[in-house]
Structure formats: structure tokens, C-alpha cells
N, C-alpha and C. Protein backbone atom coordinates (compact mmCIF):
# COMPACT_ATOMS: atom_id res chain seq x y z
N UNK A 1 27.14 -27.85 30.15
CA UNK A 1 27.50 -26.61 29.50
C UNK A 1 26.25 -25.92 28.99
N UNK A 2 26.09 -24.64 29.34
CA UNK A 2 24.94 -23.88 28.87
C UNK A 2 25.18 -23.38 27.47
N UNK A 3 24.22 -23.64 26.62
CA UNK A 3 24.31 -23.14 25.25
C UNK A 3 23.32 -21.99 25.10
N UNK A 4 23.74 -20.95 24.46
CA UNK A 4 22.88 -19.80 24.22
C UNK A 4 22.20 -19.99 22.87
N UNK A 5 20.88 -20.05 22.90
CA UNK A 5 20.13 -20.18 21.65
C UNK A 5 20.02 -18.80 21.01
N UNK A 6 19.79 -18.74 19.72
CA UNK A 6 19.61 -17.44 19.07
C UNK A 6 18.51 -16.62 19.72
N UNK A 7 17.42 -17.28 20.15
CA UNK A 7 16.32 -16.56 20.79
C UNK A 7 16.78 -15.95 22.11
N UNK A 8 17.49 -16.73 22.91
CA UNK A 8 17.97 -16.21 24.19
C UNK A 8 18.92 -15.04 23.97
N UNK A 9 19.77 -15.15 22.96
CA UNK A 9 20.68 -14.06 22.66
C UNK A 9 19.90 -12.81 22.28
N UNK A 10 18.85 -12.99 21.47
CA UNK A 10 18.03 -11.85 21.06
C UNK A 10 17.40 -11.18 22.25
N UNK A 11 16.94 -11.99 23.21
CA UNK A 11 16.28 -11.44 24.39
C UNK A 11 17.21 -10.61 25.26
N UNK A 12 18.52 -10.94 25.27
CA UNK A 12 19.42 -10.21 26.14
C UNK A 12 20.20 -9.12 25.41
N UNK A 13 19.98 -9.00 24.10
CA UNK A 13 20.68 -7.93 23.37
C UNK A 13 20.25 -6.57 23.91
N UNK A 14 21.17 -5.68 24.05
CA UNK A 14 20.80 -4.35 24.50
C UNK A 14 20.68 -3.41 23.29
N UNK A 15 20.26 -2.21 23.54
CA UNK A 15 20.05 -1.24 22.47
C UNK A 15 21.32 -0.97 21.68
N UNK A 16 22.44 -0.94 22.37
CA UNK A 16 23.71 -0.68 21.70
C UNK A 16 24.02 -1.80 20.69
N UNK A 17 23.74 -3.06 21.06
CA UNK A 17 23.93 -4.18 20.13
C UNK A 17 23.03 -4.03 18.92
N UNK A 18 21.77 -3.64 19.16
CA UNK A 18 20.81 -3.47 18.07
C UNK A 18 21.29 -2.38 17.11
N UNK A 19 21.80 -1.28 17.66
CA UNK A 19 22.28 -0.19 16.82
C UNK A 19 23.46 -0.65 15.96
N UNK A 20 24.37 -1.43 16.55
CA UNK A 20 25.52 -1.93 15.78
C UNK A 20 25.05 -2.87 14.68
N UNK A 21 24.12 -3.77 15.00
CA UNK A 21 23.59 -4.71 14.01
C UNK A 21 22.87 -3.96 12.90
N UNK A 22 22.03 -2.99 13.26
CA UNK A 22 21.31 -2.19 12.27
C UNK A 22 22.27 -1.49 11.34
N UNK A 23 23.31 -0.90 11.90
CA UNK A 23 24.28 -0.18 11.08
C UNK A 23 24.99 -1.13 10.13
N UNK A 24 25.35 -2.30 10.62
CA UNK A 24 26.04 -3.28 9.77
C UNK A 24 25.15 -3.78 8.64
N UNK A 25 23.85 -3.91 8.91
CA UNK A 25 22.92 -4.41 7.90
C UNK A 25 22.29 -3.30 7.06
N UNK A 26 22.55 -2.06 7.42
CA UNK A 26 21.94 -0.94 6.69
C UNK A 26 20.47 -0.73 7.02
N UNK A 27 20.04 -1.14 8.20
CA UNK A 27 18.64 -1.02 8.62
C UNK A 27 18.41 0.36 9.22
N UNK A 28 17.38 1.04 8.75
CA UNK A 28 16.98 2.31 9.36
C UNK A 28 15.75 2.04 10.21
N UNK A 29 15.63 2.75 11.32
CA UNK A 29 14.51 2.54 12.23
C UNK A 29 13.65 3.80 12.32
N UNK A 30 12.37 3.57 12.57
CA UNK A 30 11.40 4.65 12.72
C UNK A 30 11.69 5.44 13.99
N UNK A 31 11.65 6.76 13.88
CA UNK A 31 11.89 7.60 15.06
C UNK A 31 10.70 7.55 16.02
N UNK A 32 9.52 7.21 15.49
CA UNK A 32 8.32 7.19 16.33
C UNK A 32 8.19 5.89 17.13
N UNK A 33 8.43 4.72 16.48
CA UNK A 33 8.18 3.44 17.16
C UNK A 33 9.38 2.51 17.18
N UNK A 34 10.47 2.86 16.53
CA UNK A 34 11.71 2.08 16.47
C UNK A 34 11.62 0.81 15.62
N UNK A 35 10.52 0.63 14.87
CA UNK A 35 10.43 -0.51 13.94
C UNK A 35 11.27 -0.19 12.70
N UNK A 36 11.72 -1.23 11.98
CA UNK A 36 12.47 -0.96 10.74
C UNK A 36 11.58 -0.23 9.72
N UNK A 37 12.18 0.69 8.96
CA UNK A 37 11.45 1.38 7.90
C UNK A 37 11.90 0.83 6.56
N UNK A 38 11.06 1.00 5.55
CA UNK A 38 11.40 0.55 4.20
C UNK A 38 11.35 1.74 3.25
N UNK A 39 12.13 1.70 2.17
CA UNK A 39 12.11 2.80 1.21
C UNK A 39 10.78 2.88 0.47
N UNK A 40 10.40 4.08 0.10
CA UNK A 40 9.22 4.31 -0.73
C UNK A 40 9.73 4.49 -2.16
N UNK A 41 9.23 3.67 -3.08
CA UNK A 41 9.63 3.74 -4.49
C UNK A 41 8.58 4.49 -5.29
N UNK A 42 9.03 5.42 -6.11
CA UNK A 42 8.14 6.21 -6.95
C UNK A 42 8.34 5.86 -8.42
N UNK A 43 7.31 6.13 -9.22
CA UNK A 43 7.34 5.83 -10.64
C UNK A 43 6.31 4.77 -10.95
N UNK A 44 6.00 4.57 -12.23
CA UNK A 44 5.02 3.55 -12.60
C UNK A 44 5.63 2.19 -12.31
N UNK A 45 4.99 1.39 -11.45
CA UNK A 45 5.60 0.14 -11.02
C UNK A 45 5.48 -0.97 -12.07
N UNK A 46 6.56 -1.68 -12.24
CA UNK A 46 6.55 -2.87 -13.07
C UNK A 46 6.39 -4.09 -12.18
N UNK A 47 6.41 -5.29 -12.75
CA UNK A 47 6.22 -6.51 -11.95
C UNK A 47 7.23 -6.65 -10.81
N UNK A 48 8.49 -6.26 -11.06
CA UNK A 48 9.51 -6.40 -10.02
C UNK A 48 9.19 -5.52 -8.81
N UNK A 49 8.71 -4.30 -9.07
CA UNK A 49 8.37 -3.41 -7.96
C UNK A 49 7.19 -3.96 -7.17
N UNK A 50 6.17 -4.51 -7.85
CA UNK A 50 5.03 -5.08 -7.14
C UNK A 50 5.47 -6.26 -6.28
N UNK A 51 6.34 -7.10 -6.82
CA UNK A 51 6.83 -8.25 -6.06
C UNK A 51 7.63 -7.79 -4.84
N UNK A 52 8.48 -6.78 -5.02
CA UNK A 52 9.26 -6.26 -3.89
C UNK A 52 8.33 -5.67 -2.83
N UNK A 53 7.27 -4.99 -3.27
CA UNK A 53 6.30 -4.42 -2.32
C UNK A 53 5.56 -5.53 -1.57
N UNK A 54 5.21 -6.59 -2.27
CA UNK A 54 4.52 -7.69 -1.62
C UNK A 54 5.41 -8.40 -0.61
N UNK A 55 6.72 -8.39 -0.84
CA UNK A 55 7.66 -8.97 0.12
C UNK A 55 7.97 -8.01 1.28
N UNK A 56 7.48 -6.78 1.20
CA UNK A 56 7.72 -5.79 2.24
C UNK A 56 9.06 -5.09 2.14
N UNK A 57 9.73 -5.21 0.99
CA UNK A 57 11.04 -4.59 0.80
C UNK A 57 10.93 -3.12 0.44
N UNK A 58 9.82 -2.71 -0.17
CA UNK A 58 9.56 -1.32 -0.52
C UNK A 58 8.08 -1.02 -0.31
N UNK A 59 7.75 0.25 -0.32
CA UNK A 59 6.36 0.72 -0.34
C UNK A 59 6.20 1.48 -1.65
N UNK A 60 5.12 1.20 -2.38
CA UNK A 60 4.87 1.92 -3.62
C UNK A 60 4.32 3.30 -3.30
N UNK A 61 4.99 4.33 -3.81
CA UNK A 61 4.62 5.69 -3.48
C UNK A 61 3.82 6.42 -4.54
N UNK A 62 3.54 5.77 -5.66
CA UNK A 62 2.77 6.40 -6.73
C UNK A 62 3.67 6.95 -7.81
N UNK A 63 3.06 7.49 -8.84
CA UNK A 63 3.80 7.94 -10.02
C UNK A 63 4.28 9.38 -9.91
N UNK A 64 3.67 10.17 -9.03
CA UNK A 64 4.03 11.58 -8.91
C UNK A 64 5.30 11.72 -8.08
N UNK A 65 6.33 12.27 -8.69
CA UNK A 65 7.62 12.42 -8.03
C UNK A 65 7.84 13.90 -7.76
N UNK A 66 7.86 14.27 -6.48
CA UNK A 66 8.04 15.66 -6.08
C UNK A 66 9.13 15.74 -5.02
N UNK A 67 9.73 16.90 -4.91
CA UNK A 67 10.85 17.08 -3.98
C UNK A 67 10.47 16.80 -2.53
N UNK A 68 9.25 17.08 -2.11
CA UNK A 68 8.85 16.91 -0.72
C UNK A 68 8.31 15.54 -0.38
N UNK A 69 8.30 14.61 -1.33
CA UNK A 69 7.76 13.27 -1.06
C UNK A 69 8.56 12.56 0.02
N UNK A 70 7.88 11.76 0.86
CA UNK A 70 8.62 10.96 1.83
C UNK A 70 9.45 9.89 1.13
N UNK A 71 10.56 9.51 1.74
CA UNK A 71 11.45 8.52 1.14
C UNK A 71 11.38 7.16 1.83
N UNK A 72 10.91 7.12 3.08
CA UNK A 72 10.82 5.88 3.83
C UNK A 72 9.49 5.84 4.58
N UNK A 73 9.02 4.62 4.86
CA UNK A 73 7.73 4.45 5.52
C UNK A 73 7.84 3.38 6.60
N UNK A 74 6.99 3.53 7.60
CA UNK A 74 6.92 2.57 8.70
C UNK A 74 5.49 2.06 8.81
N UNK A 75 5.30 0.86 9.32
CA UNK A 75 3.96 0.31 9.47
C UNK A 75 3.12 1.11 10.46
N UNK A 76 3.74 1.93 11.30
CA UNK A 76 2.97 2.76 12.23
C UNK A 76 2.39 4.00 11.54
N UNK A 77 2.78 4.23 10.28
CA UNK A 77 2.26 5.36 9.53
C UNK A 77 3.23 6.53 9.43
N UNK A 78 4.32 6.47 10.19
CA UNK A 78 5.31 7.55 10.13
C UNK A 78 6.09 7.46 8.82
N UNK A 79 6.55 8.62 8.34
CA UNK A 79 7.36 8.66 7.13
C UNK A 79 8.59 9.52 7.37
N UNK A 80 9.59 9.34 6.52
CA UNK A 80 10.82 10.11 6.60
C UNK A 80 10.99 10.82 5.26
N UNK A 81 11.38 12.07 5.30
CA UNK A 81 11.54 12.84 4.07
C UNK A 81 13.00 12.94 3.67
N UNK A 82 13.23 13.08 2.37
CA UNK A 82 14.58 13.20 1.86
C UNK A 82 14.55 13.41 0.37
N UNK A 83 15.66 13.19 -0.30
CA UNK A 83 15.75 13.35 -1.74
C UNK A 83 15.10 12.15 -2.43
N UNK A 84 14.25 12.40 -3.42
CA UNK A 84 13.52 11.34 -4.10
C UNK A 84 14.00 11.19 -5.53
N UNK A 85 14.33 9.98 -5.91
CA UNK A 85 14.69 9.66 -7.29
C UNK A 85 13.62 8.77 -7.88
N UNK A 86 13.31 8.91 -9.15
CA UNK A 86 12.33 8.01 -9.75
C UNK A 86 12.83 6.56 -9.68
N UNK A 87 11.93 5.64 -9.33
CA UNK A 87 12.31 4.23 -9.24
C UNK A 87 12.32 3.59 -10.61
N UNK A 88 11.55 4.11 -11.53
CA UNK A 88 11.52 3.56 -12.87
C UNK A 88 10.96 4.59 -13.83
N UNK A 89 11.15 4.36 -15.10
CA UNK A 89 10.58 5.23 -16.12
C UNK A 89 9.16 4.77 -16.43
N UNK A 90 8.28 5.72 -16.67
CA UNK A 90 6.91 5.39 -17.03
C UNK A 90 6.88 5.00 -18.50
N UNK A 91 6.35 3.81 -18.76
CA UNK A 91 6.15 3.37 -20.13
C UNK A 91 4.74 3.77 -20.53
N UNK A 92 4.59 4.76 -21.44
CA UNK A 92 3.26 5.24 -21.80
C UNK A 92 2.34 4.12 -22.28
N UNK A 93 2.89 3.07 -22.89
CA UNK A 93 2.05 1.97 -23.37
C UNK A 93 1.43 1.20 -22.21
N UNK A 94 2.07 1.23 -21.02
CA UNK A 94 1.55 0.50 -19.86
C UNK A 94 0.68 1.37 -18.96
N UNK A 95 0.71 2.66 -19.16
CA UNK A 95 0.01 3.57 -18.25
C UNK A 95 -1.51 3.37 -18.33
N UNK A 96 -2.15 3.55 -17.20
CA UNK A 96 -3.61 3.47 -17.07
C UNK A 96 -4.04 4.85 -16.61
N UNK A 97 -4.87 5.49 -17.36
CA UNK A 97 -5.21 6.89 -17.07
C UNK A 97 -6.43 7.00 -16.15
N UNK A 98 -6.61 8.18 -15.62
CA UNK A 98 -7.77 8.48 -14.80
C UNK A 98 -9.05 8.33 -15.62
N UNK A 99 -9.01 8.73 -16.88
CA UNK A 99 -10.19 8.56 -17.75
C UNK A 99 -10.53 7.08 -17.93
N UNK A 100 -9.50 6.23 -18.08
CA UNK A 100 -9.75 4.80 -18.19
C UNK A 100 -10.33 4.24 -16.89
N UNK A 101 -9.87 4.77 -15.77
CA UNK A 101 -10.42 4.36 -14.48
C UNK A 101 -11.89 4.74 -14.39
N UNK A 102 -12.22 5.96 -14.80
CA UNK A 102 -13.62 6.40 -14.77
C UNK A 102 -14.49 5.54 -15.68
N UNK A 103 -13.97 5.18 -16.83
CA UNK A 103 -14.72 4.32 -17.76
C UNK A 103 -14.98 2.96 -17.13
N UNK A 104 -13.97 2.40 -16.47
CA UNK A 104 -14.17 1.11 -15.80
C UNK A 104 -15.21 1.25 -14.69
N UNK A 105 -15.10 2.29 -13.89
CA UNK A 105 -16.02 2.51 -12.77
C UNK A 105 -17.46 2.57 -13.28
N UNK A 106 -17.65 3.27 -14.40
CA UNK A 106 -19.00 3.40 -15.00
C UNK A 106 -19.54 2.05 -15.47
N UNK A 107 -18.66 1.19 -15.98
CA UNK A 107 -19.12 -0.06 -16.57
C UNK A 107 -19.20 -1.21 -15.56
N UNK A 108 -18.62 -1.03 -14.38
CA UNK A 108 -18.65 -2.10 -13.36
C UNK A 108 -19.96 -2.06 -12.59
N UNK A 109 -20.36 -3.22 -12.09
CA UNK A 109 -21.52 -3.33 -11.20
C UNK A 109 -21.02 -3.15 -9.77
N UNK A 110 -21.62 -2.24 -9.02
CA UNK A 110 -21.22 -1.97 -7.64
C UNK A 110 -22.34 -2.42 -6.71
N UNK A 111 -22.00 -3.20 -5.71
CA UNK A 111 -22.95 -3.78 -4.77
C UNK A 111 -22.70 -3.21 -3.37
N UNK A 112 -23.76 -2.76 -2.70
CA UNK A 112 -23.62 -2.30 -1.32
C UNK A 112 -23.30 -3.51 -0.43
N UNK A 113 -22.35 -3.36 0.47
CA UNK A 113 -21.95 -4.45 1.37
C UNK A 113 -22.94 -4.54 2.53
N UNK A 114 -24.00 -5.32 2.33
CA UNK A 114 -25.09 -5.44 3.31
C UNK A 114 -24.63 -6.07 4.61
N UNK A 115 -23.60 -6.92 4.54
CA UNK A 115 -23.15 -7.60 5.76
C UNK A 115 -22.30 -6.70 6.65
N UNK A 116 -21.99 -5.50 6.17
CA UNK A 116 -21.16 -4.58 6.95
C UNK A 116 -21.79 -3.19 6.99
N UNK A 117 -23.03 -3.06 7.43
CA UNK A 117 -23.68 -1.73 7.40
C UNK A 117 -23.00 -0.71 8.30
N UNK A 118 -22.26 -1.20 9.31
CA UNK A 118 -21.55 -0.27 10.21
C UNK A 118 -20.40 0.43 9.48
N UNK A 119 -19.94 -0.16 8.36
CA UNK A 119 -18.89 0.42 7.53
C UNK A 119 -19.43 0.51 6.11
N UNK A 120 -20.27 1.48 5.83
CA UNK A 120 -20.93 1.54 4.51
C UNK A 120 -19.93 1.68 3.37
N UNK A 121 -20.00 0.72 2.48
CA UNK A 121 -19.15 0.74 1.29
C UNK A 121 -19.75 -0.17 0.22
N UNK A 122 -19.23 -0.05 -0.97
CA UNK A 122 -19.66 -0.89 -2.09
C UNK A 122 -18.46 -1.66 -2.60
N UNK A 123 -18.73 -2.68 -3.39
CA UNK A 123 -17.65 -3.46 -3.96
C UNK A 123 -18.07 -3.98 -5.32
N UNK A 124 -17.09 -4.33 -6.13
CA UNK A 124 -17.32 -5.03 -7.38
C UNK A 124 -16.42 -6.25 -7.39
N UNK A 125 -16.87 -7.27 -8.08
CA UNK A 125 -16.15 -8.55 -8.11
C UNK A 125 -15.67 -8.81 -9.53
N UNK A 126 -14.44 -9.24 -9.65
CA UNK A 126 -13.82 -9.50 -10.95
C UNK A 126 -14.71 -10.37 -11.83
N UNK A 127 -15.23 -11.44 -11.28
CA UNK A 127 -15.97 -12.41 -12.10
C UNK A 127 -17.33 -11.89 -12.58
N UNK A 128 -17.81 -10.78 -12.03
CA UNK A 128 -19.07 -10.22 -12.51
C UNK A 128 -18.96 -9.71 -13.94
N UNK A 129 -17.76 -9.31 -14.33
CA UNK A 129 -17.53 -8.83 -15.70
C UNK A 129 -16.28 -9.48 -16.27
N UNK A 130 -16.37 -10.77 -16.67
CA UNK A 130 -15.19 -11.45 -17.20
C UNK A 130 -14.61 -10.76 -18.43
N UNK A 131 -15.45 -10.06 -19.16
CA UNK A 131 -14.97 -9.34 -20.34
C UNK A 131 -14.08 -8.15 -19.96
N UNK A 132 -14.08 -7.76 -18.69
CA UNK A 132 -13.27 -6.63 -18.23
C UNK A 132 -12.15 -7.06 -17.28
N UNK A 133 -11.76 -8.33 -17.32
CA UNK A 133 -10.73 -8.83 -16.40
C UNK A 133 -9.43 -8.03 -16.52
N UNK A 134 -8.98 -7.77 -17.74
CA UNK A 134 -7.73 -7.01 -17.92
C UNK A 134 -7.87 -5.60 -17.35
N UNK A 135 -9.02 -4.98 -17.59
CA UNK A 135 -9.25 -3.62 -17.08
C UNK A 135 -9.36 -3.63 -15.56
N UNK A 136 -10.00 -4.66 -15.00
CA UNK A 136 -10.07 -4.82 -13.55
C UNK A 136 -8.66 -4.83 -12.96
N UNK A 137 -7.78 -5.64 -13.55
CA UNK A 137 -6.41 -5.73 -13.05
C UNK A 137 -5.67 -4.41 -13.21
N UNK A 138 -5.85 -3.73 -14.34
CA UNK A 138 -5.17 -2.45 -14.54
C UNK A 138 -5.67 -1.40 -13.54
N UNK A 139 -6.97 -1.43 -13.24
CA UNK A 139 -7.51 -0.50 -12.25
C UNK A 139 -6.94 -0.83 -10.86
N UNK A 140 -6.83 -2.11 -10.53
CA UNK A 140 -6.24 -2.51 -9.25
C UNK A 140 -4.79 -2.04 -9.16
N UNK A 141 -4.03 -2.19 -10.24
CA UNK A 141 -2.65 -1.71 -10.29
C UNK A 141 -2.61 -0.19 -10.13
N UNK A 142 -3.54 0.49 -10.79
CA UNK A 142 -3.63 1.95 -10.72
C UNK A 142 -3.91 2.40 -9.28
N UNK A 143 -4.79 1.69 -8.59
CA UNK A 143 -5.09 2.02 -7.18
C UNK A 143 -3.82 1.89 -6.35
N UNK A 144 -3.10 0.79 -6.52
CA UNK A 144 -1.86 0.58 -5.75
C UNK A 144 -0.80 1.61 -6.10
N UNK A 145 -0.69 1.96 -7.38
CA UNK A 145 0.36 2.88 -7.81
C UNK A 145 0.07 4.32 -7.42
N UNK A 146 -1.17 4.74 -7.53
CA UNK A 146 -1.53 6.14 -7.31
C UNK A 146 -2.17 6.42 -5.96
N UNK A 147 -2.60 5.38 -5.26
CA UNK A 147 -3.30 5.57 -4.00
C UNK A 147 -2.39 6.04 -2.88
N UNK A 148 -3.01 6.51 -1.83
CA UNK A 148 -2.33 7.02 -0.64
C UNK A 148 -2.58 6.04 0.50
N UNK A 149 -1.53 5.68 1.22
CA UNK A 149 -1.68 4.76 2.34
C UNK A 149 -2.42 5.45 3.48
N UNK A 150 -3.49 4.79 3.95
CA UNK A 150 -4.26 5.30 5.08
C UNK A 150 -4.52 4.15 6.04
N UNK A 151 -4.52 4.43 7.33
CA UNK A 151 -4.85 3.38 8.30
C UNK A 151 -6.36 3.17 8.36
N UNK A 152 -6.76 1.93 8.69
CA UNK A 152 -8.18 1.64 8.90
C UNK A 152 -8.32 0.71 10.08
N UNK A 153 -9.23 1.03 10.98
CA UNK A 153 -10.01 2.25 11.05
C UNK A 153 -9.14 3.45 11.41
N UNK A 154 -9.47 4.57 10.81
CA UNK A 154 -8.65 5.78 10.92
C UNK A 154 -8.56 6.29 12.35
N UNK A 155 -9.62 6.12 13.14
CA UNK A 155 -9.63 6.67 14.50
C UNK A 155 -9.09 5.68 15.54
N UNK A 156 -8.59 4.53 15.10
CA UNK A 156 -8.10 3.52 16.03
C UNK A 156 -6.63 3.77 16.39
N UNK A 157 -6.25 3.57 17.66
CA UNK A 157 -4.83 3.69 18.01
C UNK A 157 -4.00 2.54 17.41
N UNK A 158 -4.67 1.43 17.09
CA UNK A 158 -3.99 0.30 16.45
C UNK A 158 -4.80 -0.15 15.23
N UNK A 159 -4.65 0.53 14.09
CA UNK A 159 -5.42 0.18 12.90
C UNK A 159 -5.15 -1.25 12.46
N UNK A 160 -6.17 -1.90 11.92
CA UNK A 160 -6.05 -3.28 11.44
C UNK A 160 -5.36 -3.36 10.10
N UNK A 161 -5.55 -2.33 9.27
CA UNK A 161 -5.01 -2.34 7.92
C UNK A 161 -4.36 -1.01 7.58
N UNK A 162 -3.47 -1.06 6.60
CA UNK A 162 -2.90 0.13 5.97
C UNK A 162 -2.96 -0.12 4.47
N UNK A 163 -4.09 0.24 3.88
CA UNK A 163 -4.29 0.03 2.45
C UNK A 163 -4.03 1.33 1.69
N UNK A 164 -3.86 1.19 0.38
CA UNK A 164 -3.76 2.36 -0.50
C UNK A 164 -5.16 2.71 -0.96
N UNK A 165 -5.53 3.97 -0.76
CA UNK A 165 -6.84 4.47 -1.16
C UNK A 165 -6.64 5.49 -2.27
N UNK A 166 -7.43 5.34 -3.32
CA UNK A 166 -7.37 6.26 -4.45
C UNK A 166 -8.69 7.01 -4.54
N UNK A 167 -8.62 8.33 -4.39
CA UNK A 167 -9.82 9.17 -4.44
C UNK A 167 -10.12 9.55 -5.90
N UNK A 168 -11.34 9.22 -6.32
CA UNK A 168 -11.81 9.58 -7.66
C UNK A 168 -13.26 10.02 -7.54
N UNK A 169 -13.52 11.26 -7.91
CA UNK A 169 -14.88 11.79 -8.00
C UNK A 169 -15.72 11.54 -6.75
N UNK A 170 -15.16 11.81 -5.58
CA UNK A 170 -15.91 11.72 -4.33
C UNK A 170 -15.92 10.34 -3.68
N UNK A 171 -15.21 9.38 -4.27
CA UNK A 171 -15.14 8.03 -3.72
C UNK A 171 -13.69 7.67 -3.45
N UNK A 172 -13.46 6.87 -2.42
CA UNK A 172 -12.16 6.25 -2.16
C UNK A 172 -12.24 4.81 -2.62
N UNK A 173 -11.28 4.38 -3.47
CA UNK A 173 -11.23 3.01 -3.98
C UNK A 173 -10.03 2.31 -3.35
N UNK A 174 -10.20 1.03 -3.00
CA UNK A 174 -9.08 0.28 -2.44
C UNK A 174 -9.25 -1.21 -2.74
N UNK A 175 -8.11 -1.90 -2.65
CA UNK A 175 -8.10 -3.35 -2.74
C UNK A 175 -7.42 -3.88 -1.50
N UNK A 176 -7.63 -5.15 -1.20
CA UNK A 176 -7.00 -5.76 -0.04
C UNK A 176 -5.57 -6.15 -0.39
N UNK A 177 -4.81 -6.57 0.60
CA UNK A 177 -3.44 -7.01 0.38
C UNK A 177 -3.41 -8.28 -0.46
N UNK A 178 -2.29 -8.57 -1.03
CA UNK A 178 -2.12 -9.75 -1.86
C UNK A 178 -1.70 -9.34 -3.25
N UNK A 179 -1.52 -10.32 -4.11
CA UNK A 179 -1.10 -10.02 -5.47
C UNK A 179 -2.27 -9.51 -6.29
N UNK A 180 -1.96 -8.81 -7.35
CA UNK A 180 -3.00 -8.32 -8.25
C UNK A 180 -3.74 -9.51 -8.86
N UNK A 181 -2.99 -10.55 -9.21
CA UNK A 181 -3.60 -11.73 -9.83
C UNK A 181 -4.61 -12.40 -8.89
N UNK A 182 -4.38 -12.31 -7.57
CA UNK A 182 -5.29 -12.92 -6.60
C UNK A 182 -6.41 -11.98 -6.15
N UNK A 183 -6.36 -10.73 -6.58
CA UNK A 183 -7.37 -9.77 -6.18
C UNK A 183 -8.68 -10.07 -6.90
N UNK A 184 -9.74 -10.27 -6.15
CA UNK A 184 -11.05 -10.58 -6.72
C UNK A 184 -12.06 -9.45 -6.51
N UNK A 185 -11.75 -8.53 -5.58
CA UNK A 185 -12.71 -7.49 -5.20
C UNK A 185 -12.04 -6.12 -5.19
N UNK A 186 -12.74 -5.13 -5.70
CA UNK A 186 -12.35 -3.72 -5.55
C UNK A 186 -13.46 -3.07 -4.73
N UNK A 187 -13.06 -2.35 -3.70
CA UNK A 187 -14.01 -1.69 -2.79
C UNK A 187 -14.03 -0.19 -3.04
N UNK A 188 -15.13 0.44 -2.63
CA UNK A 188 -15.20 1.89 -2.66
C UNK A 188 -16.14 2.38 -1.57
N UNK A 189 -15.84 3.58 -1.05
CA UNK A 189 -16.70 4.23 -0.05
C UNK A 189 -16.70 5.72 -0.33
N UNK A 190 -17.82 6.35 -0.04
CA UNK A 190 -17.91 7.80 -0.20
C UNK A 190 -16.88 8.46 0.71
N UNK A 191 -16.22 9.47 0.22
CA UNK A 191 -15.21 10.17 1.01
C UNK A 191 -15.81 10.82 2.26
N UNK A 192 -17.10 11.10 2.25
CA UNK A 192 -17.75 11.73 3.39
C UNK A 192 -18.00 10.76 4.54
N UNK A 193 -17.94 9.44 4.25
CA UNK A 193 -18.20 8.47 5.31
C UNK A 193 -17.06 8.49 6.32
N UNK A 194 -17.40 8.71 7.57
CA UNK A 194 -16.39 8.92 8.61
C UNK A 194 -15.75 7.62 9.09
N UNK A 195 -16.28 6.48 8.77
CA UNK A 195 -15.73 5.21 9.28
C UNK A 195 -14.35 4.94 8.76
N UNK A 196 -13.95 5.56 7.64
CA UNK A 196 -12.64 5.31 7.08
C UNK A 196 -11.61 5.92 7.96
């Protein structure tokens, strides 16, 4: 007796089956590449939102909530527009301001990445300023919350990364994927550098 394994069943499913399954599960697909899309959450993110973003259940869209903001995102970079509701209320006691970001930037040591001259950028390391660990983390959270998702390399048909970049005073700041607690490096590059 031939048994159909789940993998074999997946391989023979047709588009109509996929559409029925997607509808039953509430899955929306990208119009550009047909990959599943995830909702974009707006508002100052709390721990639950960061955890959901790390699991890939949502994309953090920043604190600015406007009528034209995209509501869903795909890993290919496509977005879908619709009605946007705030994902959470901003707690002023938790907010990290642009001025606080500038103060941290001024007090951090920035090192040119000599091992990557083809991609000129600088970085700072958490352990270089242990007295600023809390501020380092708040700045990393600020980058994730306020930054804009951009592909890297930008001119590649298949970018390796889609990080959040936050532009401040002529520089783009970003952190790598992972939890804020595990983040050890904050990077920056001049906005004029074309490698991004």
C-alpha cells in the first residue's frame, strides 16, 4: 500500500489547494512573489511586539502612524497599503528621543571597519562603554522602532539582508538581526555611500 507523506502531498498540491488552505488559515500572499506576508505593527514597541517581530509574526513599522502607511510586508520588499491602527500606546516614560540618540552617538566610540573597505562603514561595540549599556540598548530599540527597512546590498536582485536603517544627521544606523539583549554592535554609514 502506498502511503502519501506530508512532503509528497505538498509537492502535488495545486494552486487551488493552496488558495483554499491560505483562506482557511487566514494567510495573505504577496502579489509580487506569492510568499506569505505579515502585518506591519505601528506604535512604540513593547517586549511582546519585539518578540513577535523576532518570530516573524509582525514587522515593526515605527512610531509614526499615518493614513498612507503600509499594513503588510513581504521579505521581497513589497508592501500592501490599507487602514492602519496603532499597535500600542506610547508610554512617554519609555520613549527614547532623537536628542537622546544624538547624545549617545556623540559619546560612543566609532571605529572604521577596516576589514570591509569595499563597504565603508563604522561601528561601535556595547562593551566599549559599559557605563552606557542601557543607552546602547535603548538606541538599538530606537533604530528598530523608527528605522526603515531597506535591502542590502540595495542594487542586488537578491539582497542578503533586510535591516532597519535609521537616518540621523547624514548617517544611516542599523543593527543586525537577533534580540536586543544579544546585540553587541551598532553600525553606521554615510548616507552618500552608494554601497547601501
